[in-house]
PDB file of N, CA and C in Angstrom:
ATOM      1  N   MET A   1       9.917  25.040   3.331  1.00  0.00           N
ATOM      2  CA  MET A   1      10.080  23.953   4.257  1.00  0.00           C
ATOM      3  C   MET A   1      11.557  23.570   4.283  1.00  0.00           C
ATOM      4  N   ALA A   2      12.089  23.497   5.475  1.00  0.00           N
ATOM      5  CA  ALA A   2      13.479  23.070   5.633  1.00  0.00           C
ATOM      6  C   ALA A   2      13.567  21.571   5.397  1.00  0.00           C
ATOM      7  N   THR A   3      14.641  21.147   4.810  1.00  0.00           N
ATOM      8  CA  THR A   3      14.827  19.718   4.547  1.00  0.00           C
ATOM      9  C   THR A   3      16.125  19.240   5.166  1.00  0.00           C
ATOM     10  N   LYS A   4      16.201  17.948   5.396  1.00  0.00           N
ATOM     11  CA  LYS A   4      17.406  17.303   5.909  1.00  0.00           C
ATOM     12  C   LYS A   4      17.695  16.093   5.055  1.00  0.00           C
ATOM     13  N   ASN A   5      18.936  15.708   5.030  1.00  0.00           N
ATOM     14  CA  ASN A   5      19.314  14.488   4.343  1.00  0.00           C
ATOM     15  C   ASN A   5      19.149  13.303   5.281  1.00  0.00           C
ATOM     16  N   LEU A   6      18.838  12.163   4.706  1.00  0.00           N
ATOM     17  CA  LEU A   6      18.669  10.925   5.463  1.00  0.00           C
ATOM     18  C   LEU A   6      19.541   9.863   4.813  1.00  0.00           C
ATOM     19  N   THR A   7      20.338   9.203   5.609  1.00  0.00           N
ATOM     20  CA  THR A   7      21.182   8.134   5.086  1.00  0.00           C
ATOM     21  C   THR A   7      20.616   6.804   5.540  1.00  0.00           C
ATOM     22  N   ILE A   8      20.401   5.901   4.589  1.00  0.00           N
ATOM     23  CA  ILE A   8      19.943   4.554   4.924  1.00  0.00           C
ATOM     24  C   ILE A   8      20.843   3.544   4.224  1.00  0.00           C
ATOM     25  N   ARG A   9      20.970   2.389   4.813  1.00  0.00           N
ATOM     26  CA  ARG A   9      21.819   1.348   4.244  1.00  0.00           C
ATOM     27  C   ARG A   9      20.927   0.280   3.619  1.00  0.00           C
ATOM     28  N   LEU A  10      21.038   0.114   2.306  1.00  0.00           N
ATOM     29  CA  LEU A  10      20.262  -0.874   1.558  1.00  0.00           C
ATOM     30  C   LEU A  10      21.197  -1.601   0.599  1.00  0.00           C
ATOM     31  N   SER A  11      20.820  -2.804   0.227  1.00  0.00           N
ATOM     32  CA  SER A  11      21.647  -3.555  -0.718  1.00  0.00           C
ATOM     33  C   SER A  11      21.595  -2.897  -2.092  1.00  0.00           C
ATOM     34  N   ASP A  12      22.671  -3.062  -2.850  1.00  0.00           N
ATOM     35  CA  ASP A  12      22.710  -2.526  -4.214  1.00  0.00           C
ATOM     36  C   ASP A  12      21.564  -3.079  -5.047  1.00  0.00           C
ATOM     37  N   GLN A  13      21.283  -4.352  -4.879  1.00  0.00           N
ATOM     38  CA  GLN A  13      20.221  -5.005  -5.650  1.00  0.00           C
ATOM     39  C   GLN A  13      18.865  -4.368  -5.352  1.00  0.00           C
ATOM     40  N   LEU A  14      18.593  -4.113  -4.080  1.00  0.00           N
ATOM     41  CA  LEU A  14      17.326  -3.495  -3.688  1.00  0.00           C
ATOM     42  C   LEU A  14      17.211  -2.081  -4.253  1.00  0.00           C
ATOM     43  N   ILE A  15      18.289  -1.339  -4.190  1.00  0.00           N
ATOM     44  CA  ILE A  15      18.277   0.030  -4.708  1.00  0.00           C
ATOM     45  C   ILE A  15      18.029   0.037  -6.210  1.00  0.00           C
ATOM     46  N   GLU A  16      18.759  -0.784  -6.943  1.00  0.00           N
ATOM     47  CA  GLU A  16      18.617  -0.810  -8.403  1.00  0.00           C
ATOM     48  C   GLU A  16      17.224  -1.261  -8.832  1.00  0.00           C
ATOM     49  N   ALA A  17      16.693  -2.281  -8.167  1.00  0.00           N
ATOM     50  CA  ALA A  17      15.353  -2.765  -8.510  1.00  0.00           C
ATOM     51  C   ALA A  17      14.314  -1.674  -8.281  1.00  0.00           C
ATOM     52  N   ASN A  18      14.464  -0.927  -7.206  1.00  0.00           N
ATOM     53  CA  ASN A  18      13.493   0.122  -6.904  1.00  0.00           C
ATOM     54  C   ASN A  18      13.686   1.363  -7.766  1.00  0.00           C
ATOM     55  N   LYS A  19      14.899   1.616  -8.204  1.00  0.00           N
ATOM     56  CA  LYS A  19      15.115   2.711  -9.158  1.00  0.00           C
ATOM     57  C   LYS A  19      14.383   2.412 -10.460  1.00  0.00           C
ATOM     58  N   LYS A  20      14.461   1.166 -10.918  1.00  0.00           N
ATOM     59  CA  LYS A  20      13.766   0.772 -12.145  1.00  0.00           C
ATOM     60  C   LYS A  20      12.257   0.902 -11.973  1.00  0.00           C
ATOM     61  N   TYR A  21      11.755   0.471 -10.822  1.00  0.00           N
ATOM     62  CA  TYR A  21      10.322   0.565 -10.539  1.00  0.00           C
ATOM     63  C   TYR A  21       9.881   2.030 -10.517  1.00  0.00           C
ATOM     64  N   ALA A  22      10.647   2.873  -9.845  1.00  0.00           N
ATOM     65  CA  ALA A  22      10.310   4.294  -9.768  1.00  0.00           C
ATOM     66  C   ALA A  22      10.318   4.920 -11.158  1.00  0.00           C
ATOM     67  N   LYS A  23      11.288   4.540 -11.974  1.00  0.00           N
ATOM     68  CA  LYS A  23      11.378   5.088 -13.332  1.00  0.00           C
ATOM     69  C   LYS A  23      10.146   4.726 -14.145  1.00  0.00           C
ATOM     70  N   LYS A  24       9.639   3.492 -13.977  1.00  0.00           N
ATOM     71  CA  LYS A  24       8.417   3.080 -14.673  1.00  0.00           C
ATOM     72  C   LYS A  24       7.241   3.973 -14.296  1.00  0.00           C
ATOM     73  N   LEU A  25       7.252   4.453 -13.057  1.00  0.00           N
ATOM     74  CA  LEU A  25       6.179   5.321 -12.570  1.00  0.00           C
ATOM     75  C   LEU A  25       6.446   6.796 -12.861  1.00  0.00           C
ATOM     76  N   GLY A  26       7.595   7.085 -13.467  1.00  0.00           N
ATOM     77  CA  GLY A  26       7.941   8.468 -13.769  1.00  0.00           C
ATOM     78  C   GLY A  26       8.378   9.247 -12.546  1.00  0.00           C
ATOM     79  N   LYS A  27       8.954   8.554 -11.582  1.00  0.00           N
ATOM     80  CA  LYS A  27       9.382   9.189 -10.339  1.00  0.00           C
ATOM     81  C   LYS A  27      10.827   8.819 -10.048  1.00  0.00           C
ATOM     82  N   SER A  28      11.416   9.549  -9.113  1.00  0.00           N
ATOM     83  CA  SER A  28      12.748   9.195  -8.640  1.00  0.00           C
ATOM     84  C   SER A  28      12.595   8.303  -7.408  1.00  0.00           C
ATOM     85  N   LEU A  29      13.653   7.577  -7.094  1.00  0.00           N
ATOM     86  CA  LEU A  29      13.626   6.749  -5.890  1.00  0.00           C
ATOM     87  C   LEU A  29      13.451   7.627  -4.658  1.00  0.00           C
ATOM     88  N   ASN A  30      14.084   8.773  -4.652  1.00  0.00           N
ATOM     89  CA  ASN A  30      13.956   9.711  -3.547  1.00  0.00           C
ATOM     90  C   ASN A  30      12.496  10.131  -3.354  1.00  0.00           C
ATOM     91  N   GLU A  31      11.821  10.419  -4.455  1.00  0.00           N
ATOM     92  CA  GLU A  31      10.408  10.815  -4.401  1.00  0.00           C
ATOM     93  C   GLU A  31       9.540   9.681  -3.857  1.00  0.00           C
ATOM     94  N   MET A  32       9.831   8.454  -4.286  1.00  0.00           N
ATOM     95  CA  MET A  32       9.067   7.294  -3.807  1.00  0.00           C
ATOM     96  C   MET A  32       9.228   7.120  -2.292  1.00  0.00           C
ATOM     97  N   ILE A  33      10.459   7.267  -1.811  1.00  0.00           N
ATOM     98  CA  ILE A  33      10.713   7.123  -0.373  1.00  0.00           C
ATOM     99  C   ILE A  33      10.016   8.234   0.394  1.00  0.00           C
ATOM    100  N   ARG A  34      10.089   9.475  -0.117  1.00  0.00           N
ATOM    101  CA  ARG A  34       9.429  10.602   0.544  1.00  0.00           C
ATOM    102  C   ARG A  34       7.922  10.380   0.631  1.00  0.00           C
ATOM    103  N   GLU A  35       7.300   9.920  -0.465  1.00  0.00           N
ATOM    104  CA  GLU A  35       5.858   9.654  -0.459  1.00  0.00           C
ATOM    105  C   GLU A  35       5.507   8.547   0.526  1.00  0.00           C
ATOM    106  N   PHE A  36       6.341   7.516   0.582  1.00  0.00           N
ATOM    107  CA  PHE A  36       6.111   6.424   1.527  1.00  0.00           C
ATOM    108  C   PHE A  36       6.119   6.947   2.962  1.00  0.00           C
ATOM    109  N   LEU A  37       7.107   7.750   3.292  1.00  0.00           N
ATOM    110  CA  LEU A  37       7.204   8.281   4.650  1.00  0.00           C
ATOM    111  C   LEU A  37       6.051   9.228   4.964  1.00  0.00           C
ATOM    112  N   GLN A  38       5.619  10.016   3.979  1.00  0.00           N
ATOM    113  CA  GLN A  38       4.489  10.922   4.197  1.00  0.00           C
ATOM    114  C   GLN A  38       3.199  10.149   4.461  1.00  0.00           C
ATOM    115  N   ARG A  39       2.995   9.060   3.727  1.00  0.00           N
ATOM    116  CA  ARG A  39       1.787   8.245   3.945  1.00  0.00           C
ATOM    117  C   ARG A  39       1.771   7.654   5.349  1.00  0.00           C
ATOM    118  N   ASN A  40       2.936   7.337   5.877  1.00  0.00           N
ATOM    119  CA  ASN A  40       3.004   6.738   7.207  1.00  0.00           C
ATOM    120  C   ASN A  40       2.574   7.691   8.308  1.00  0.00           C
ATOM    121  N   VAL A  41       2.664   8.974   8.065  1.00  0.00           N
ATOM    122  CA  VAL A  41       2.319   9.939   9.107  1.00  0.00           C
ATOM    123  C   VAL A  41       1.098  10.776   8.754  1.00  0.00           C
ATOM    124  N   GLN A  42       0.299  10.309   7.798  1.00  0.00           N
ATOM    125  CA  GLN A  42      -0.908  11.054   7.433  1.00  0.00           C
ATOM    126  C   GLN A  42      -1.825  11.149   8.653  1.00  0.00           C
ATOM    127  N   ASN A  43      -2.658  12.135   8.659  1.00  0.00           N
ATOM    128  CA  ASN A  43      -3.583  12.314   9.776  1.00  0.00           C
ATOM    129  C   ASN A  43      -4.416  11.063   9.978  1.00  0.00           C
ATOM    130  N   GLU A  44      -4.601  10.686  11.230  1.00  0.00           N
ATOM    131  CA  GLU A  44      -5.356   9.474  11.520  1.00  0.00           C
ATOM    132  C   GLU A  44      -6.809   9.581  11.095  1.00  0.00           C
ATOM    133  N   ASP A  45      -7.342  10.800  11.003  1.00  0.00           N
ATOM    134  CA  ASP A  45      -8.733  10.937  10.589  1.00  0.00           C
ATOM    135  C   ASP A  45      -8.889  10.818   9.074  1.00  0.00           C
ATOM    136  N   GLU A  46      -7.794  10.836   8.337  1.00  0.00           N
ATOM    137  CA  GLU A  46      -7.852  10.595   6.897  1.00  0.00           C
ATOM    138  C   GLU A  46      -7.863   9.095   6.673  1.00  0.00           C
ATOM    139  N   LYS A  47      -8.829   8.635   5.940  1.00  0.00           N
ATOM    140  CA  LYS A  47      -8.933   7.206   5.690  1.00  0.00           C
ATOM    141  C   LYS A  47      -8.303   6.862   4.352  1.00  0.00           C
ATOM    142  N   SER A  48      -7.618   5.762   4.319  1.00  0.00           N
ATOM    143  CA  SER A  48      -7.077   5.294   3.048  1.00  0.00           C
ATOM    144  C   SER A  48      -8.208   4.662   2.257  1.00  0.00           C
ATOM    145  N   TRP A  49      -7.989   4.458   0.974  1.00  0.00           N
ATOM    146  CA  TRP A  49      -9.016   3.825   0.145  1.00  0.00           C
ATOM    147  C   TRP A  49      -9.324   2.436   0.674  1.00  0.00           C
ATOM    148  N   ALA A  50      -8.332   1.753   1.236  1.00  0.00           N
ATOM    149  CA  ALA A  50      -8.569   0.411   1.770  1.00  0.00           C
ATOM    150  C   ALA A  50      -9.478   0.479   2.991  1.00  0.00           C
ATOM    151  N   ASP A  51      -9.237   1.454   3.872  1.00  0.00           N
ATOM    152  CA  ASP A  51     -10.094   1.620   5.044  1.00  0.00           C
ATOM    153  C   ASP A  51     -11.525   1.926   4.627  1.00  0.00           C
ATOM    154  N   GLU A  52     -11.686   2.784   3.625  1.00  0.00           N
ATOM    155  CA  GLU A  52     -13.020   3.133   3.144  1.00  0.00           C
ATOM    156  C   GLU A  52     -13.715   1.918   2.536  1.00  0.00           C
ATOM    157  N   TRP A  53     -12.976   1.098   1.800  1.00  0.00           N
ATOM    158  CA  TRP A  53     -13.549  -0.094   1.180  1.00  0.00           C
ATOM    159  C   TRP A  53     -13.987  -1.101   2.247  1.00  0.00           C
ATOM    160  N   ILE A  54     -13.179  -1.298   3.261  1.00  0.00           N
ATOM    161  CA  ILE A  54     -13.535  -2.227   4.336  1.00  0.00           C
ATOM    162  C   ILE A  54     -14.794  -1.742   5.043  1.00  0.00           C
ATOM    163  N   GLU A  55     -14.843  -0.455   5.348  1.00  0.00           N
ATOM    164  CA  GLU A  55     -16.022   0.111   6.010  1.00  0.00           C
ATOM    165  C   GLU A  55     -17.268  -0.059   5.141  1.00  0.00           C
ATOM    166  N   PHE A  56     -17.157   0.221   3.849  1.00  0.00           N
ATOM    167  CA  PHE A  56     -18.271   0.060   2.920  1.00  0.00           C
ATOM    168  C   PHE A  56     -18.727  -1.394   2.880  1.00  0.00           C
ATOM    169  N   SER A  57     -17.773  -2.313   2.796  1.00  0.00           N
ATOM    170  CA  SER A  57     -18.096  -3.741   2.720  1.00  0.00           C
ATOM    171  C   SER A  57     -18.824  -4.212   3.970  1.00  0.00           C
ATOM    172  N   GLU A  58     -18.346  -3.770   5.122  1.00  0.00           N
ATOM    173  CA  GLU A  58     -18.978  -4.183   6.373  1.00  0.00           C
ATOM    174  C   GLU A  58     -20.402  -3.636   6.487  1.00  0.00           C
ATOM    175  N   LYS A  59     -20.626  -2.410   6.054  1.00  0.00           N
ATOM    176  CA  LYS A  59     -21.958  -1.811   6.126  1.00  0.00           C
ATOM    177  C   LYS A  59     -22.934  -2.476   5.168  1.00  0.00           C
ATOM    178  N   ASN A  60     -22.436  -2.955   4.036  1.00  0.00           N
ATOM    179  CA  ASN A  60     -23.307  -3.484   2.998  1.00  0.00           C
ATOM    180  C   ASN A  60     -23.309  -5.000   2.899  1.00  0.00           C
ATOM    181  N   ALA A  61     -22.654  -5.665   3.827  1.00  0.00           N
ATOM    182  CA  ALA A  61     -22.614  -7.130   3.797  1.00  0.00           C
ATOM    183  C   ALA A  61     -23.999  -7.684   4.127  1.00  0.00           C
ATOM    184  N   LYS A  62     -24.363  -8.737   3.432  1.00  0.00           N
ATOM    185  CA  LYS A  62     -25.656  -9.377   3.677  1.00  0.00           C
ATOM    186  C   LYS A  62     -25.427 -10.862   3.886  1.00  0.00           C
ATOM    187  N   ASP A  63     -26.153 -11.434   4.810  1.00  0.00           N
ATOM    188  CA  ASP A  63     -26.068 -12.871   5.052  1.00  0.00           C
ATOM    189  C   ASP A  63     -27.168 -13.533   4.242  1.00  0.00           C
ATOM    190  N   ILE A  64     -26.773 -14.322   3.249  1.00  0.00           N
ATOM    191  CA  ILE A  64     -27.771 -14.990   2.412  1.00  0.00           C
ATOM    192  C   ILE A  64     -27.986 -16.435   2.848  1.00  0.00           C
ATOM    193  N   GLY A  65     -27.374 -16.811   3.967  1.00  0.00           N
ATOM    194  CA  GLY A  65     -27.601 -18.135   4.511  1.00  0.00           C
ATOM    195  C   GLY A  65     -26.771 -19.240   3.895  1.00  0.00           C
ATOM    196  N   TYR A  66     -25.900 -18.910   2.960  1.00  0.00           N
ATOM    197  CA  TYR A  66     -25.075 -19.933   2.321  1.00  0.00           C
ATOM    198  C   TYR A  66     -23.650 -19.803   2.819  1.00  0.00           C
ATOM    199  N   THR A  67     -23.071 -20.912   3.179  1.00  0.00           N
ATOM    200  CA  THR A  67     -21.661 -20.921   3.541  1.00  0.00           C
ATOM    201  C   THR A  67     -20.925 -21.854   2.599  1.00  0.00           C
ATOM    202  N   TRP A  68     -19.659 -21.652   2.444  1.00  0.00           N
ATOM    203  CA  TRP A  68     -18.855 -22.504   1.578  1.00  0.00           C
ATOM    204  C   TRP A  68     -17.676 -23.029   2.369  1.00  0.00           C
ATOM    205  N   ASN A  69     -17.109 -24.091   1.860  1.00  0.00           N
ATOM    206  CA  ASN A  69     -15.951 -24.658   2.538  1.00  0.00           C
ATOM    207  C   ASN A  69     -14.721 -24.541   1.638  1.00  0.00           C
ATOM    208  N   ARG A  70     -13.597 -24.935   2.150  1.00  0.00           N
ATOM    209  CA  ARG A  70     -12.333 -24.795   1.431  1.00  0.00           C
ATOM    210  C   ARG A  70     -12.338 -25.547   0.104  1.00  0.00           C
ATOM    211  N   GLU A  71     -12.892 -26.740   0.086  1.00  0.00           N
ATOM    212  CA  GLU A  71     -12.918 -27.534  -1.142  1.00  0.00           C
ATOM    213  C   GLU A  71     -13.715 -26.823  -2.237  1.00  0.00           C
ATOM    214  N   GLU A  72     -14.869 -26.262  -1.866  1.00  0.00           N
ATOM    215  CA  GLU A  72     -15.680 -25.539  -2.845  1.00  0.00           C
ATOM    216  C   GLU A  72     -14.945 -24.303  -3.363  1.00  0.00           C
ATOM    217  N   ALA A  73     -14.245 -23.638  -2.486  1.00  0.00           N
ATOM    218  CA  ALA A  73     -13.532 -22.427  -2.887  1.00  0.00           C
ATOM    219  C   ALA A  73     -12.408 -22.743  -3.866  1.00  0.00           C
ATOM    220  N   ASN A  74     -11.840 -23.934  -3.758  1.00  0.00           N
ATOM    221  CA  ASN A  74     -10.710 -24.299  -4.614  1.00  0.00           C
ATOM    222  C   ASN A  74     -11.109 -25.089  -5.851  1.00  0.00           C
ATOM    223  N   GLU A  75     -12.399 -25.372  -6.033  1.00  0.00           N
ATOM    224  CA  GLU A  75     -12.840 -26.076  -7.233  1.00  0.00           C
ATOM    225  C   GLU A  75     -12.611 -25.207  -8.454  1.00  0.00           C
ATOM    226  N   ARG A  76     -12.283 -25.864  -9.562  1.00  0.00           N
ATOM    227  CA  ARG A  76     -12.032 -25.098 -10.793  1.00  0.00           C
ATOM    228  C   ARG A  76     -13.000 -25.479 -11.837  1.00  0.00           C
TER     229      ARG A  76
END
């Protein structure tokens, strides 16, 4: 596969923070960017885990007749 170089302008702080993050994952920053770009152009018929989870949730959702309000949701 032929490759090309890509130049992007990012702040030093952003680059350094992401280099540290990539290192924690055992990857290079270049590898992280390449994977990000590849995910953006994956085949539309391939579903991400999030898409699969949403589809599963919608198929298996049940209405039990109970609703809650904001106050109940925030009770501790």
